[in-house]
Structure formats: structure tokens, C-alpha cells
Amino acid sequence: MFRTSDIVLIAAMVGAAAFTYQTKHEAEDRLEAVRKIEAQIRFEEDTTDLLKADWSLLTQPSRLQKLAQTYQAELKLDPVDARQIVGLRDLPVRPLTIEDLTRESGGTMADSGTDQTTTGGIAQ
């Protein structure tokens, strides 16, 4: 009736069918996961676009001007005076070497700053 080769071939066909079904099922699961991730990416991009639009509305100069005028008493905002803008020489000198940084962190910050400020803010 059935030969041994027939039984082996039938077993191989059943095994191949099971493997094909399992592979197809895993591929569909992966495809569904990819689609979920793509949907999440689209959602995040839409959220980012919405936040950018909100930011541009919130930072409109006319809106900020109205807010500044409304809360001027609380914020005590004044226009920038020309005397408030200083030159490079008027800025304090920042340490440029590692030794200066470690010396300042050691507590001698006042000593290192006095000799530099006497030269008009420029280290010589």
C-alpha cells in the first residue's frame, strides 16, 4: 500500500506546509508591528507640527507686545537704553586656562579677578 518513500515525502510536505504557515504568520505579525510604528511616527510628526504652529502663534511680536503692555507693572519692563549696551572691554574677563579654573574653584576667585580688572578687562 504505502511505501516508505511515500510516507517520508508526505511527512516532508506536511513539515514544509507547517513551516510555510509559521513563516507567513510571523511575517504578518512583523508587518503589523511595522504599521503600528509607522502610525506612531505619523502621530509624533503631527504633534510636532502642531506644537510648532502653537509656538509660532505664542511668539508673535504683536501678542508679546500686548502681554508686555498688560503686565508692565508686574514685570517692570523698560526699553533697552543705549547706556545698557557695553563694549567688549567692559565685560569681565573669563579664565582661559585650566589652572585659572582650578584656582577659582579653590576659593581664590577674588584674587585672580583683581589683577585682570585693573587692565580694563583685557588680560595682558
C-alpha atoms as a PDB file:
ATOM      1  CA  MET A   1       0.000   0.000   0.000  1.00  0.00           C
ATOM      2  CA  PHE A   2       2.270   2.883   1.170  1.00  0.00           C
ATOM      3  CA  ARG A   3       5.932   2.649   0.631  1.00  0.00           C
ATOM      4  CA  THR A   4       8.453   4.155   2.977  1.00  0.00           C
ATOM      5  CA  SER A   5       9.360   6.819   0.448  1.00  0.00           C
ATOM      6  CA  ASP A   6       5.703   7.895   0.197  1.00  0.00           C
ATOM      7  CA  ILE A   7       5.478   8.309   3.961  1.00  0.00           C
ATOM      8  CA  VAL A   8       8.724  10.295   4.029  1.00  0.00           C
ATOM      9  CA  LEU A   9       7.523  12.567   1.216  1.00  0.00           C
ATOM     10  CA  ILE A  10       4.150  13.119   2.901  1.00  0.00           C
ATOM     11  CA  ALA A  11       5.926  13.979   6.177  1.00  0.00           C
ATOM     12  CA  ALA A  12       8.210  16.398   4.305  1.00  0.00           C
ATOM     13  CA  MET A  13       5.198  18.074   2.648  1.00  0.00           C
ATOM     14  CA  VAL A  14       3.408  18.441   5.993  1.00  0.00           C
ATOM     15  CA  GLY A  15       6.593  19.839   7.555  1.00  0.00           C
ATOM     16  CA  ALA A  16       7.064  22.282   4.675  1.00  0.00           C
ATOM     17  CA  ALA A  17       3.420  23.371   4.925  1.00  0.00           C
ATOM     18  CA  ALA A  18       3.769  23.916   8.691  1.00  0.00           C
ATOM     19  CA  PHE A  19       6.995  25.877   8.188  1.00  0.00           C
ATOM     20  CA  THR A  20       5.374  27.992   5.468  1.00  0.00           C
ATOM     21  CA  TYR A  21       2.344  28.716   7.665  1.00  0.00           C
ATOM     22  CA  GLN A  22       4.544  29.648  10.630  1.00  0.00           C
ATOM     23  CA  THR A  23       6.740  31.913   8.472  1.00  0.00           C
ATOM     24  CA  LYS A  24       3.692  33.608   6.956  1.00  0.00           C
ATOM     25  CA  HIS A  25       2.181  34.175  10.417  1.00  0.00           C
ATOM     26  CA  GLU A  26       5.443  35.688  11.753  1.00  0.00           C
ATOM     27  CA  ALA A  27       5.721  37.944   8.682  1.00  0.00           C
ATOM     28  CA  GLU A  28       2.165  39.206   9.202  1.00  0.00           C
ATOM     29  CA  ASP A  29       2.907  39.899  12.878  1.00  0.00           C
ATOM     30  CA  ARG A  30       6.051  41.831  11.943  1.00  0.00           C
ATOM     31  CA  LEU A  31       4.157  43.773   9.271  1.00  0.00           C
ATOM     32  CA  GLU A  32       1.505  44.707  11.829  1.00  0.00           C
ATOM     33  CA  ALA A  33       4.222  45.874  14.242  1.00  0.00           C
ATOM     34  CA  VAL A  34       5.809  47.979  11.480  1.00  0.00           C
ATOM     35  CA  ARG A  35       2.451  49.549  10.666  1.00  0.00           C
ATOM     36  CA  LYS A  36       1.920  50.413  14.345  1.00  0.00           C
ATOM     37  CA  ILE A  37       5.343  52.031  14.499  1.00  0.00           C
ATOM     38  CA  GLU A  38       4.671  53.976  11.291  1.00  0.00           C
ATOM     39  CA  ALA A  39       1.348  55.165  12.730  1.00  0.00           C
ATOM     40  CA  GLN A  40       3.119  56.240  15.911  1.00  0.00           C
ATOM     41  CA  ILE A  41       5.733  58.114  13.846  1.00  0.00           C
ATOM     42  CA  ARG A  42       2.999  59.907  11.897  1.00  0.00           C
ATOM     43  CA  PHE A  43       1.284  60.820  15.181  1.00  0.00           C
ATOM     44  CA  GLU A  44       4.539  62.213  16.602  1.00  0.00           C
ATOM     45  CA  GLU A  45       5.206  64.189  13.410  1.00  0.00           C
ATOM     46  CA  ASP A  46       1.685  65.625  13.519  1.00  0.00           C
ATOM     47  CA  THR A  47       2.169  66.504  17.189  1.00  0.00           C
ATOM     48  CA  THR A  48       5.479  68.192  16.388  1.00  0.00           C
ATOM     49  CA  ASP A  49       3.865  70.195  13.582  1.00  0.00           C
ATOM     50  CA  LEU A  50       1.048  71.229  15.915  1.00  0.00           C
ATOM     51  CA  LEU A  51       3.499  72.300  18.613  1.00  0.00           C
ATOM     52  CA  LYS A  52       5.497  74.327  16.075  1.00  0.00           C
ATOM     53  CA  ALA A  53       2.298  76.062  14.980  1.00  0.00           C
ATOM     54  CA  ASP A  54       1.390  76.789  18.607  1.00  0.00           C
ATOM     55  CA  TRP A  55       4.882  78.127  19.242  1.00  0.00           C
ATOM     56  CA  SER A  56       4.698  80.455  16.264  1.00  0.00           C
ATOM     57  CA  LEU A  57       1.347  81.772  17.477  1.00  0.00           C
ATOM     58  CA  LEU A  58       2.596  82.255  21.024  1.00  0.00           C
ATOM     59  CA  THR A  59       5.740  84.103  19.940  1.00  0.00           C
ATOM     60  CA  GLN A  60       4.125  86.569  17.561  1.00  0.00           C
ATOM     61  CA  PRO A  61       5.570  90.021  18.259  1.00  0.00           C
ATOM     62  CA  SER A  62       2.138  91.662  18.383  1.00  0.00           C
ATOM     63  CA  ARG A  63       0.942  89.175  21.028  1.00  0.00           C
ATOM     64  CA  LEU A  64       4.113  89.614  23.069  1.00  0.00           C
ATOM     65  CA  GLN A  65       3.790  93.395  22.843  1.00  0.00           C
ATOM     66  CA  LYS A  66       0.232  93.240  24.176  1.00  0.00           C
ATOM     67  CA  LEU A  67       1.329  90.969  27.029  1.00  0.00           C
ATOM     68  CA  ALA A  68       4.238  93.260  27.855  1.00  0.00           C
ATOM     69  CA  GLN A  69       1.903  96.240  27.991  1.00  0.00           C
ATOM     70  CA  THR A  70      -0.672  94.361  30.068  1.00  0.00           C
ATOM     71  CA  TYR A  71       1.836  93.149  32.665  1.00  0.00           C
ATOM     72  CA  GLN A  72       4.207  96.107  32.564  1.00  0.00           C
ATOM     73  CA  ALA A  73       3.590  96.982  36.218  1.00  0.00           C
ATOM     74  CA  GLU A  74       4.335  93.445  37.441  1.00  0.00           C
ATOM     75  CA  LEU A  75       7.273  92.796  35.133  1.00  0.00           C
ATOM     76  CA  LYS A  76       8.746  96.305  35.326  1.00  0.00           C
ATOM     77  CA  LEU A  77       9.949  96.063  31.733  1.00  0.00           C
ATOM     78  CA  ASP A  78      11.569  99.079  30.153  1.00  0.00           C
ATOM     79  CA  PRO A  79      13.003  99.582  26.684  1.00  0.00           C
ATOM     80  CA  VAL A  80      16.722  98.964  26.389  1.00  0.00           C
ATOM     81  CA  ASP A  81      18.683 102.145  26.954  1.00  0.00           C
ATOM     82  CA  ALA A  82      21.768 102.831  24.848  1.00  0.00           C
ATOM     83  CA  ARG A  83      23.837 103.014  28.040  1.00  0.00           C
ATOM     84  CA  GLN A  84      22.930  99.391  28.820  1.00  0.00           C
ATOM     85  CA  ILE A  85      24.882  98.142  25.822  1.00  0.00           C
ATOM     86  CA  VAL A  86      28.555  97.767  26.702  1.00  0.00           C
ATOM     87  CA  GLY A  87      31.666  97.104  24.716  1.00  0.00           C
ATOM     88  CA  LEU A  88      33.975  94.134  24.927  1.00  0.00           C
ATOM     89  CA  ARG A  89      36.356  95.962  27.244  1.00  0.00           C
ATOM     90  CA  ASP A  90      33.608  96.466  29.819  1.00  0.00           C
ATOM     91  CA  LEU A  91      32.874  92.751  30.170  1.00  0.00           C
ATOM     92  CA  PRO A  92      34.652  90.805  32.917  1.00  0.00           C
ATOM     93  CA  VAL A  93      37.424  88.542  31.715  1.00  0.00           C
ATOM     94  CA  ARG A  94      36.793  84.814  31.891  1.00  0.00           C
ATOM     95  CA  PRO A  95      39.628  82.442  32.812  1.00  0.00           C
ATOM     96  CA  LEU A  96      41.212  80.841  29.791  1.00  0.00           C
ATOM     97  CA  THR A  97      43.384  78.106  31.289  1.00  0.00           C
ATOM     98  CA  ILE A  98      42.752  75.041  33.390  1.00  0.00           C
ATOM     99  CA  GLU A  99      44.919  76.484  36.166  1.00  0.00           C
ATOM    100  CA  ASP A 100      42.696  79.577  36.341  1.00  0.00           C
ATOM    101  CA  LEU A 101      39.606  77.404  36.549  1.00  0.00           C
ATOM    102  CA  THR A 102      41.034  75.200  39.301  1.00  0.00           C
ATOM    103  CA  ARG A 103      42.338  78.245  41.183  1.00  0.00           C
ATOM    104  CA  GLU A 104      38.866  79.833  41.074  1.00  0.00           C
ATOM    105  CA  SER A 105      37.186  76.681  42.301  1.00  0.00           C
ATOM    106  CA  GLY A 106      39.697  76.582  45.180  1.00  0.00           C
ATOM    107  CA  GLY A 107      38.302  79.790  46.648  1.00  0.00           C
ATOM    108  CA  THR A 108      40.787  82.363  45.329  1.00  0.00           C
ATOM    109  CA  MET A 109      38.425  83.707  42.710  1.00  0.00           C
ATOM    110  CA  ALA A 110      38.599  87.265  44.061  1.00  0.00           C
ATOM    111  CA  ASP A 111      42.425  87.261  43.892  1.00  0.00           C
ATOM    112  CA  SER A 112      42.586  86.118  40.266  1.00  0.00           C
ATOM    113  CA  GLY A 113      39.976  88.624  39.131  1.00  0.00           C
ATOM    114  CA  THR A 114      41.535  91.740  40.655  1.00  0.00           C
ATOM    115  CA  ASP A 115      44.690  91.805  38.588  1.00  0.00           C
ATOM    116  CA  GLN A 116      42.771  91.335  35.348  1.00  0.00           C
ATOM    117  CA  THR A 117      40.131  94.007  36.002  1.00  0.00           C
ATOM    118  CA  THR A 118      42.745  96.711  36.588  1.00  0.00           C
ATOM    119  CA  THR A 119      43.844  96.459  32.969  1.00  0.00           C
ATOM    120  CA  GLY A 120      40.449  97.477  31.629  1.00  0.00           C
ATOM    121  CA  GLY A 121      39.069  93.951  31.286  1.00  0.00           C
ATOM    122  CA  ILE A 122      41.740  92.682  28.912  1.00  0.00           C
ATOM    123  CA  ALA A 123      44.224  90.087  30.139  1.00  0.00           C
ATOM    124  CA  GLN A 124      47.774  91.024  29.186  1.00  0.00           C
END
